[in-house]
Amino acid sequence: MFVQWIFLISSVTLISSKGLPERIVGGDSVSIQSVPWQASLQKFGLHACGAAIYSEDIVITAAHCLRDTYIFFLSVRVGSSYNHFGGQVVKAAKFLAHEGHSKRMTNDIALIRLQSKLTMDHRVSSIPLADSPPQSGSTASVSGWGALGFNGQFPNSLMEVNVDIVDQDQCLRSYGRVTTKDMICAAGPGKDACAGDSGGPLVSNGKLVGIVSFGTEYAHPKYPGVYANVAELKPWILSAIERL
């Protein structure tokens, strides 16, 4: 999940772009060729959040990653298993966060239009948006460069972990009124996204189903990771592309 996580909302500790960068917990190193849609959203040239490639000049990330951010600070690195060198680096031209995003982490999604088009190849590829949320119990994967554990070190290369989609009722019981229909939950024993992974892709059956949003601690057994529900937010995404 990003650049430091953990701020309190309704007594729930949430991942924040100002907290410890979120990270993949319980995962394995993976080549960018396996997840070519993965991007690193960078501020002042340093990794801040994850992002997913939608097209040659648009990436999707979490709205909270862009709070208090000026466009000229932003760039995106793609096509590298490392977030600090290699691949292509393109500056952001403009961004648009969901108008309904709030500190309660609702509608936690944003789009960034790039100043120039990405060169697409086996390391840089777009990913289609899901038309419907994944079924409870189905497997999904989340990737990123976040920390490897609570107060843990950050990996040198990209990490990925498989998690299971959690029933919406169970998610609601875990977080109470914090969760809404624009969110989905996913978890696995000792597996999670975390600080530094925010804005990154949750993928199931080859489609983007979620964007890393928030959670409580790291891989907490009672609190699954929470993601922006891409299928639910797809109408906004398509409309926002036209407005960017």
C-alpha atoms as a PDB file:
ATOM      1  CA  MET A   1       0.000   0.000   0.000  1.00  0.00           C
ATOM      2  CA  PHE A   2       2.657   3.732   0.080  1.00  0.00           C
ATOM      3  CA  VAL A   3       4.789   6.518   1.623  1.00  0.00           C
ATOM      4  CA  GLN A   4       3.720   5.719   5.250  1.00  0.00           C
ATOM      5  CA  TRP A   5       0.566   4.081   6.377  1.00  0.00           C
ATOM      6  CA  ILE A   6      -1.668   4.433   9.298  1.00  0.00           C
ATOM      7  CA  PHE A   7      -4.066   7.202  10.200  1.00  0.00           C
ATOM      8  CA  LEU A   8      -7.158   6.783  12.324  1.00  0.00           C
ATOM      9  CA  ILE A   9     -10.667   6.976  10.912  1.00  0.00           C
ATOM     10  CA  SER A  10     -13.638   5.791  12.917  1.00  0.00           C
ATOM     11  CA  SER A  11     -11.210   3.953  15.204  1.00  0.00           C
ATOM     12  CA  VAL A  12      -9.773   2.076  12.229  1.00  0.00           C
ATOM     13  CA  THR A  13      -6.101   2.495  11.349  1.00  0.00           C
ATOM     14  CA  LEU A  14      -5.934   3.271   7.644  1.00  0.00           C
ATOM     15  CA  ILE A  15      -3.133   3.357   5.108  1.00  0.00           C
ATOM     16  CA  SER A  16      -2.146   6.904   4.235  1.00  0.00           C
ATOM     17  CA  SER A  17       0.078   8.391   1.575  1.00  0.00           C
ATOM     18  CA  LYS A  18       1.755  10.266   4.413  1.00  0.00           C
ATOM     19  CA  GLY A  19       2.433   7.171   6.516  1.00  0.00           C
ATOM     20  CA  LEU A  20       4.921   4.349   5.939  1.00  0.00           C
ATOM     21  CA  PRO A  21       4.826   3.285   2.304  1.00  0.00           C
ATOM     22  CA  GLU A  22       2.516   0.311   2.051  1.00  0.00           C
ATOM     23  CA  ARG A  23       4.070  -2.984   1.144  1.00  0.00           C
ATOM     24  CA  ILE A  24       3.406  -6.523   0.020  1.00  0.00           C
ATOM     25  CA  VAL A  25       3.386  -8.896   2.987  1.00  0.00           C
ATOM     26  CA  GLY A  26       3.925 -12.639   2.561  1.00  0.00           C
ATOM     27  CA  GLY A  27       4.626 -12.406  -1.153  1.00  0.00           C
ATOM     28  CA  ASP A  28       7.431 -13.220  -3.555  1.00  0.00           C
ATOM     29  CA  SER A  29       9.650 -11.289  -5.921  1.00  0.00           C
ATOM     30  CA  VAL A  30       8.173 -11.053  -9.404  1.00  0.00           C
ATOM     31  CA  SER A  31       9.408  -9.781 -12.767  1.00  0.00           C
ATOM     32  CA  ILE A  32       7.663  -6.782 -14.322  1.00  0.00           C
ATOM     33  CA  GLN A  33       7.032  -9.041 -17.329  1.00  0.00           C
ATOM     34  CA  SER A  34       4.557 -10.977 -15.163  1.00  0.00           C
ATOM     35  CA  VAL A  35       2.682  -7.802 -14.175  1.00  0.00           C
ATOM     36  CA  PRO A  36       3.422  -5.361 -17.044  1.00  0.00           C
ATOM     37  CA  TRP A  37       0.513  -3.130 -16.015  1.00  0.00           C
ATOM     38  CA  GLN A  38       2.269  -2.236 -12.748  1.00  0.00           C
ATOM     39  CA  ALA A  39       3.533   1.340 -12.445  1.00  0.00           C
ATOM     40  CA  SER A  40       5.329   3.314  -9.760  1.00  0.00           C
ATOM     41  CA  LEU A  41       3.794   6.706  -9.006  1.00  0.00           C
ATOM     42  CA  GLN A  42       6.687   8.974  -8.066  1.00  0.00           C
ATOM     43  CA  LYS A  43       6.895  12.290  -6.245  1.00  0.00           C
ATOM     44  CA  PHE A  44      10.109  14.278  -6.612  1.00  0.00           C
ATOM     45  CA  GLY A  45      11.518  11.207  -8.389  1.00  0.00           C
ATOM     46  CA  LEU A  46      10.901   8.849  -5.452  1.00  0.00           C
ATOM     47  CA  HIS A  47       8.382   6.018  -5.226  1.00  0.00           C
ATOM     48  CA  ALA A  48       5.238   7.107  -3.379  1.00  0.00           C
ATOM     49  CA  CYS A  49       2.436   4.786  -4.515  1.00  0.00           C
ATOM     50  CA  GLY A  50       1.569   2.102  -7.003  1.00  0.00           C
ATOM     51  CA  ALA A  51      -0.566   2.582 -10.109  1.00  0.00           C
ATOM     52  CA  ALA A  52      -2.044   0.519 -12.934  1.00  0.00           C
ATOM     53  CA  ILE A  53      -1.626   1.228 -16.644  1.00  0.00           C
ATOM     54  CA  TYR A  54      -4.985   1.791 -18.354  1.00  0.00           C
ATOM     55  CA  SER A  55      -3.710   3.008 -21.723  1.00  0.00           C
ATOM     56  CA  GLU A  56      -0.680   4.534 -23.441  1.00  0.00           C
ATOM     57  CA  ASP A  57      -1.164   7.816 -21.613  1.00  0.00           C
ATOM     58  CA  ILE A  58      -3.439   7.126 -18.625  1.00  0.00           C
ATOM     59  CA  VAL A  59      -2.744   5.344 -15.337  1.00  0.00           C
ATOM     60  CA  ILE A  60      -5.107   4.627 -12.452  1.00  0.00           C
ATOM     61  CA  THR A  61      -4.163   5.081  -8.805  1.00  0.00           C
ATOM     62  CA  ALA A  62      -5.739   5.784  -5.408  1.00  0.00           C
ATOM     63  CA  ALA A  63      -7.176   9.248  -4.776  1.00  0.00           C
ATOM     64  CA  HIS A  64      -5.484   9.442  -1.374  1.00  0.00           C
ATOM     65  CA  CYS A  65      -2.100   9.162  -3.104  1.00  0.00           C
ATOM     66  CA  LEU A  66      -2.730  12.555  -4.707  1.00  0.00           C
ATOM     67  CA  ARG A  67      -3.810  14.528  -1.662  1.00  0.00           C
ATOM     68  CA  ASP A  68      -1.913  17.796  -1.224  1.00  0.00           C
ATOM     69  CA  THR A  69       0.031  17.080  -4.409  1.00  0.00           C
ATOM     70  CA  TYR A  70       1.028  19.421  -7.234  1.00  0.00           C
ATOM     71  CA  ILE A  71       1.101  18.030 -10.746  1.00  0.00           C
ATOM     72  CA  PHE A  72       4.661  19.162 -11.473  1.00  0.00           C
ATOM     73  CA  PHE A  73       5.943  16.892  -8.662  1.00  0.00           C
ATOM     74  CA  LEU A  74       4.512  13.772 -10.277  1.00  0.00           C
ATOM     75  CA  SER A  75       5.923  11.217 -12.689  1.00  0.00           C
ATOM     76  CA  VAL A  76       5.362   7.547 -13.451  1.00  0.00           C
ATOM     77  CA  ARG A  77       7.957   4.806 -13.904  1.00  0.00           C
ATOM     78  CA  VAL A  78       6.910   1.728 -15.889  1.00  0.00           C
ATOM     79  CA  GLY A  79       8.585  -1.284 -17.457  1.00  0.00           C
ATOM     80  CA  SER A  80      11.009  -1.981 -14.610  1.00  0.00           C
ATOM     81  CA  SER A  81      10.993  -4.453 -11.740  1.00  0.00           C
ATOM     82  CA  TYR A  82      12.640  -1.696  -9.716  1.00  0.00           C
ATOM     83  CA  ASN A  83      11.058   1.575  -8.661  1.00  0.00           C
ATOM     84  CA  HIS A  84      14.291   3.582  -8.633  1.00  0.00           C
ATOM     85  CA  PHE A  85      15.877   2.795 -12.001  1.00  0.00           C
ATOM     86  CA  GLY A  86      15.207   1.300 -15.412  1.00  0.00           C
ATOM     87  CA  GLY A  87      12.161   1.278 -17.631  1.00  0.00           C
ATOM     88  CA  GLN A  88      10.446   4.443 -18.793  1.00  0.00           C
ATOM     89  CA  VAL A  89       9.805   7.569 -16.729  1.00  0.00           C
ATOM     90  CA  VAL A  90       7.092   9.950 -17.941  1.00  0.00           C
ATOM     91  CA  LYS A  91       5.931  13.136 -16.256  1.00  0.00           C
ATOM     92  CA  ALA A  92       2.277  13.653 -15.358  1.00  0.00           C
ATOM     93  CA  ALA A  93       0.311  16.253 -17.313  1.00  0.00           C
ATOM     94  CA  LYS A  94      -2.844  16.381 -15.177  1.00  0.00           C
ATOM     95  CA  PHE A  95      -4.817  14.263 -12.745  1.00  0.00           C
ATOM     96  CA  LEU A  96      -8.404  13.892 -11.622  1.00  0.00           C
ATOM     97  CA  ALA A  97      -9.471  12.364  -8.304  1.00  0.00           C
ATOM     98  CA  HIS A  98     -13.000  11.106  -7.709  1.00  0.00           C
ATOM     99  CA  GLU A  99     -15.170  13.988  -6.551  1.00  0.00           C
ATOM    100  CA  GLY A 100     -16.748  11.754  -3.920  1.00  0.00           C
ATOM    101  CA  HIS A 101     -13.473  10.779  -2.289  1.00  0.00           C
ATOM    102  CA  SER A 102     -13.317  11.570   1.416  1.00  0.00           C
ATOM    103  CA  LYS A 103     -11.147  10.941   4.449  1.00  0.00           C
ATOM    104  CA  ARG A 104     -13.389   7.948   5.129  1.00  0.00           C
ATOM    105  CA  MET A 105     -11.659   6.504   2.034  1.00  0.00           C
ATOM    106  CA  THR A 106     -14.811   6.321  -0.089  1.00  0.00           C
ATOM    107  CA  ASN A 107     -14.332   6.411  -3.874  1.00  0.00           C
ATOM    108  CA  ASP A 108     -10.576   6.093  -3.456  1.00  0.00           C
ATOM    109  CA  ILE A 109      -9.650   6.303  -7.119  1.00  0.00           C
ATOM    110  CA  ALA A 110      -7.945   8.777  -9.440  1.00  0.00           C
ATOM    111  CA  LEU A 111      -6.664   9.023 -13.001  1.00  0.00           C
ATOM    112  CA  ILE A 112      -3.428  10.568 -14.256  1.00  0.00           C
ATOM    113  CA  ARG A 113      -2.865  11.643 -17.846  1.00  0.00           C
ATOM    114  CA  LEU A 114       0.783  11.533 -18.894  1.00  0.00           C
ATOM    115  CA  GLN A 115       2.661  14.187 -20.838  1.00  0.00           C
ATOM    116  CA  SER A 116       3.689  11.669 -23.495  1.00  0.00           C
ATOM    117  CA  LYS A 117       2.619   8.187 -24.512  1.00  0.00           C
ATOM    118  CA  LEU A 118       4.250   5.099 -23.079  1.00  0.00           C
ATOM    119  CA  THR A 119       6.048   2.706 -25.385  1.00  0.00           C
ATOM    120  CA  MET A 120       4.069  -0.494 -25.009  1.00  0.00           C
ATOM    121  CA  ASP A 121       5.887  -3.843 -25.089  1.00  0.00           C
ATOM    122  CA  HIS A 122       6.209  -7.060 -23.084  1.00  0.00           C
ATOM    123  CA  ARG A 123       7.187  -5.020 -20.012  1.00  0.00           C
ATOM    124  CA  VAL A 124       4.615  -2.255 -20.400  1.00  0.00           C
ATOM    125  CA  SER A 125       1.002  -3.204 -21.038  1.00  0.00           C
ATOM    126  CA  SER A 126      -2.461  -1.969 -20.187  1.00  0.00           C
ATOM    127  CA  ILE A 127      -4.943  -4.045 -18.221  1.00  0.00           C
ATOM    128  CA  PRO A 128      -8.705  -4.157 -18.897  1.00  0.00           C
ATOM    129  CA  LEU A 129     -11.188  -3.020 -16.270  1.00  0.00           C
ATOM    130  CA  ALA A 130     -13.466  -5.567 -14.621  1.00  0.00           C
ATOM    131  CA  ASP A 131     -17.154  -5.348 -15.549  1.00  0.00           C
ATOM    132  CA  SER A 132     -18.285  -6.981 -12.322  1.00  0.00           C
ATOM    133  CA  PRO A 133     -16.686  -7.525  -8.903  1.00  0.00           C
ATOM    134  CA  PRO A 134     -14.929 -10.872  -8.394  1.00  0.00           C
ATOM    135  CA  GLN A 135     -16.897 -13.516  -6.535  1.00  0.00           C
ATOM    136  CA  SER A 136     -16.216 -14.146  -2.870  1.00  0.00           C
ATOM    137  CA  GLY A 137     -13.489 -16.762  -2.447  1.00  0.00           C
ATOM    138  CA  SER A 138     -11.943 -16.189  -5.861  1.00  0.00           C
ATOM    139  CA  THR A 139      -8.190 -15.643  -6.097  1.00  0.00           C
ATOM    140  CA  ALA A 140      -6.611 -12.315  -6.943  1.00  0.00           C
ATOM    141  CA  SER A 141      -3.078 -10.983  -6.961  1.00  0.00           C
ATOM    142  CA  VAL A 142      -1.728  -7.682  -5.695  1.00  0.00           C
ATOM    143  CA  SER A 143       1.716  -6.296  -6.483  1.00  0.00           C
ATOM    144  CA  GLY A 144       3.922  -3.415  -5.433  1.00  0.00           C
ATOM    145  CA  TRP A 145       7.099  -2.139  -3.816  1.00  0.00           C
ATOM    146  CA  GLY A 146       5.728  -1.600  -0.296  1.00  0.00           C
ATOM    147  CA  ALA A 147       7.421  -2.652   2.945  1.00  0.00           C
ATOM    148  CA  LEU A 148       7.790  -6.330   3.776  1.00  0.00           C
ATOM    149  CA  GLY A 149       6.282  -6.105   7.263  1.00  0.00           C
ATOM    150  CA  PHE A 150       5.467  -3.799  10.129  1.00  0.00           C
ATOM    151  CA  ASN A 151       8.510  -1.529  10.481  1.00  0.00           C
ATOM    152  CA  GLY A 152      10.065  -3.805   7.901  1.00  0.00           C
ATOM    153  CA  GLN A 153      12.514  -3.121   5.111  1.00  0.00           C
ATOM    154  CA  PHE A 154      11.475  -2.202   1.616  1.00  0.00           C
ATOM    155  CA  PRO A 155      12.253  -4.674  -1.169  1.00  0.00           C
ATOM    156  CA  ASN A 156      14.802  -4.011  -3.884  1.00  0.00           C
ATOM    157  CA  SER A 157      12.440  -5.346  -6.520  1.00  0.00           C
ATOM    158  CA  LEU A 158       8.743  -5.763  -7.259  1.00  0.00           C
ATOM    159  CA  MET A 159       6.723  -8.143  -5.066  1.00  0.00           C
ATOM    160  CA  GLU A 160       3.435  -9.977  -5.642  1.00  0.00           C
ATOM    161  CA  VAL A 161       1.098 -11.990  -3.418  1.00  0.00           C
ATOM    162  CA  ASN A 162      -2.089 -13.974  -3.982  1.00  0.00           C
ATOM    163  CA  VAL A 163      -5.096 -13.201  -1.804  1.00  0.00           C
ATOM    164  CA  ASP A 164      -8.725 -14.326  -1.707  1.00  0.00           C
ATOM    165  CA  ILE A 165     -11.711 -12.051  -2.206  1.00  0.00           C
ATOM    166  CA  VAL A 166     -13.595 -11.676   1.080  1.00  0.00           C
ATOM    167  CA  ASP A 167     -17.368 -11.756   1.340  1.00  0.00           C
ATOM    168  CA  GLN A 168     -18.814  -8.242   1.570  1.00  0.00           C
ATOM    169  CA  ASP A 169     -20.731  -9.079   4.752  1.00  0.00           C
ATOM    170  CA  GLN A 170     -17.551 -10.315   6.419  1.00  0.00           C
ATOM    171  CA  CYS A 171     -15.748  -7.179   5.308  1.00  0.00           C
ATOM    172  CA  LEU A 172     -18.541  -5.056   6.754  1.00  0.00           C
ATOM    173  CA  ARG A 173     -18.357  -6.922  10.049  1.00  0.00           C
ATOM    174  CA  SER A 174     -14.614  -6.251  10.199  1.00  0.00           C
ATOM    175  CA  TYR A 175     -14.772  -2.540   9.510  1.00  0.00           C
ATOM    176  CA  GLY A 176     -18.368  -1.563  10.263  1.00  0.00           C
ATOM    177  CA  ARG A 177     -19.622   1.519   8.445  1.00  0.00           C
ATOM    178  CA  VAL A 178     -16.172   2.260   7.041  1.00  0.00           C
ATOM    179  CA  THR A 179     -16.787  -0.072   4.085  1.00  0.00           C
ATOM    180  CA  THR A 180     -19.189   0.887   1.306  1.00  0.00           C
ATOM    181  CA  LYS A 181     -20.203  -0.613  -2.043  1.00  0.00           C
ATOM    182  CA  ASP A 182     -17.333   1.148  -3.801  1.00  0.00           C
ATOM    183  CA  MET A 183     -14.911  -1.074  -1.844  1.00  0.00           C
ATOM    184  CA  ILE A 184     -13.991  -4.752  -1.959  1.00  0.00           C
ATOM    185  CA  CYS A 185     -11.901  -6.728   0.516  1.00  0.00           C
ATOM    186  CA  ALA A 186      -9.247  -9.384   0.037  1.00  0.00           C
ATOM    187  CA  ALA A 187      -7.030 -11.324   2.427  1.00  0.00           C
ATOM    188  CA  GLY A 188      -4.879 -14.386   2.986  1.00  0.00           C
ATOM    189  CA  PRO A 189      -3.104 -15.863   6.022  1.00  0.00           C
ATOM    190  CA  GLY A 190      -0.076 -13.624   6.552  1.00  0.00           C
ATOM    191  CA  LYS A 191      -0.675 -11.974   3.178  1.00  0.00           C
ATOM    192  CA  ASP A 192      -1.588  -8.385   2.426  1.00  0.00           C
ATOM    193  CA  ALA A 193      -0.681  -5.156   0.683  1.00  0.00           C
ATOM    194  CA  CYS A 194       0.720  -2.386   2.840  1.00  0.00           C
ATOM    195  CA  ALA A 195       2.446   1.000   2.999  1.00  0.00           C
ATOM    196  CA  GLY A 196       3.936   1.835  -0.408  1.00  0.00           C
ATOM    197  CA  ASP A 197       1.486  -0.406  -2.291  1.00  0.00           C
ATOM    198  CA  SER A 198      -1.420   2.083  -2.224  1.00  0.00           C
ATOM    199  CA  GLY A 199      -2.836   2.817  -5.638  1.00  0.00           C
ATOM    200  CA  GLY A 200      -1.499  -0.476  -6.970  1.00  0.00           C
ATOM    201  CA  PRO A 201      -3.457  -3.119  -8.897  1.00  0.00           C
ATOM    202  CA  LEU A 202      -5.561  -5.986  -7.553  1.00  0.00           C
ATOM    203  CA  VAL A 203      -6.003  -8.357 -10.489  1.00  0.00           C
ATOM    204  CA  SER A 204      -8.291 -11.352 -10.979  1.00  0.00           C
ATOM    205  CA  ASN A 205      -8.820 -13.366 -14.179  1.00  0.00           C
ATOM    206  CA  GLY A 206      -6.680 -10.935 -16.136  1.00  0.00           C
ATOM    207  CA  LYS A 207      -8.717  -7.867 -15.216  1.00  0.00           C
ATOM    208  CA  LEU A 208      -8.246  -4.966 -12.849  1.00  0.00           C
ATOM    209  CA  VAL A 209     -10.731  -5.532 -10.033  1.00  0.00           C
ATOM    210  CA  GLY A 210      -9.331  -3.278  -7.316  1.00  0.00           C
ATOM    211  CA  ILE A 211      -6.981  -0.459  -6.371  1.00  0.00           C
ATOM    212  CA  VAL A 212      -5.081  -0.755  -3.076  1.00  0.00           C
ATOM    213  CA  SER A 213      -6.757   1.600  -0.608  1.00  0.00           C
ATOM    214  CA  PHE A 214      -6.457   0.892   3.132  1.00  0.00           C
ATOM    215  CA  GLY A 215      -6.261  -1.650   5.938  1.00  0.00           C
ATOM    216  CA  THR A 216      -5.544  -2.139   9.623  1.00  0.00           C
ATOM    217  CA  GLU A 217      -1.950  -2.971  10.541  1.00  0.00           C
ATOM    218  CA  TYR A 218      -0.427  -5.483   8.125  1.00  0.00           C
ATOM    219  CA  ALA A 219      -2.020  -8.821   7.296  1.00  0.00           C
ATOM    220  CA  HIS A 220      -4.135  -8.535  10.444  1.00  0.00           C
ATOM    221  CA  PRO A 221      -6.221 -11.741  10.731  1.00  0.00           C
ATOM    222  CA  LYS A 222      -9.374  -9.798  11.635  1.00  0.00           C
ATOM    223  CA  TYR A 223      -9.035  -7.025   9.079  1.00  0.00           C
ATOM    224  CA  PRO A 224      -8.732  -7.814   5.354  1.00  0.00           C
ATOM    225  CA  GLY A 225      -7.141  -5.345   2.986  1.00  0.00           C
ATOM    226  CA  VAL A 226      -9.597  -2.917   1.400  1.00  0.00           C
ATOM    227  CA  TYR A 227      -9.519  -1.929  -2.272  1.00  0.00           C
ATOM    228  CA  ALA A 228     -11.430   0.509  -4.445  1.00  0.00           C
ATOM    229  CA  ASN A 229     -14.006  -1.549  -6.349  1.00  0.00           C
ATOM    230  CA  VAL A 230     -13.090  -0.997 -10.009  1.00  0.00           C
ATOM    231  CA  ALA A 231     -16.275  -2.536 -11.441  1.00  0.00           C
ATOM    232  CA  GLU A 232     -18.446  -0.296  -9.274  1.00  0.00           C
ATOM    233  CA  LEU A 233     -16.341   2.749 -10.165  1.00  0.00           C
ATOM    234  CA  LYS A 234     -15.981   1.936 -13.880  1.00  0.00           C
ATOM    235  CA  PRO A 235     -18.640   4.445 -15.039  1.00  0.00           C
ATOM    236  CA  TRP A 236     -16.737   7.212 -13.243  1.00  0.00           C
ATOM    237  CA  ILE A 237     -13.428   6.035 -14.737  1.00  0.00           C
ATOM    238  CA  LEU A 238     -14.769   6.139 -18.295  1.00  0.00           C
ATOM    239  CA  SER A 239     -16.363   9.542 -17.727  1.00  0.00           C
ATOM    240  CA  ALA A 240     -13.204  10.936 -16.105  1.00  0.00           C
ATOM    241  CA  ILE A 241     -11.076   9.857 -19.074  1.00  0.00           C
ATOM    242  CA  GLU A 242     -13.171  12.106 -21.279  1.00  0.00           C
ATOM    243  CA  ARG A 243     -12.660  15.017 -18.886  1.00  0.00           C
ATOM    244  CA  LEU A 244      -8.898  14.652 -18.475  1.00  0.00           C
END
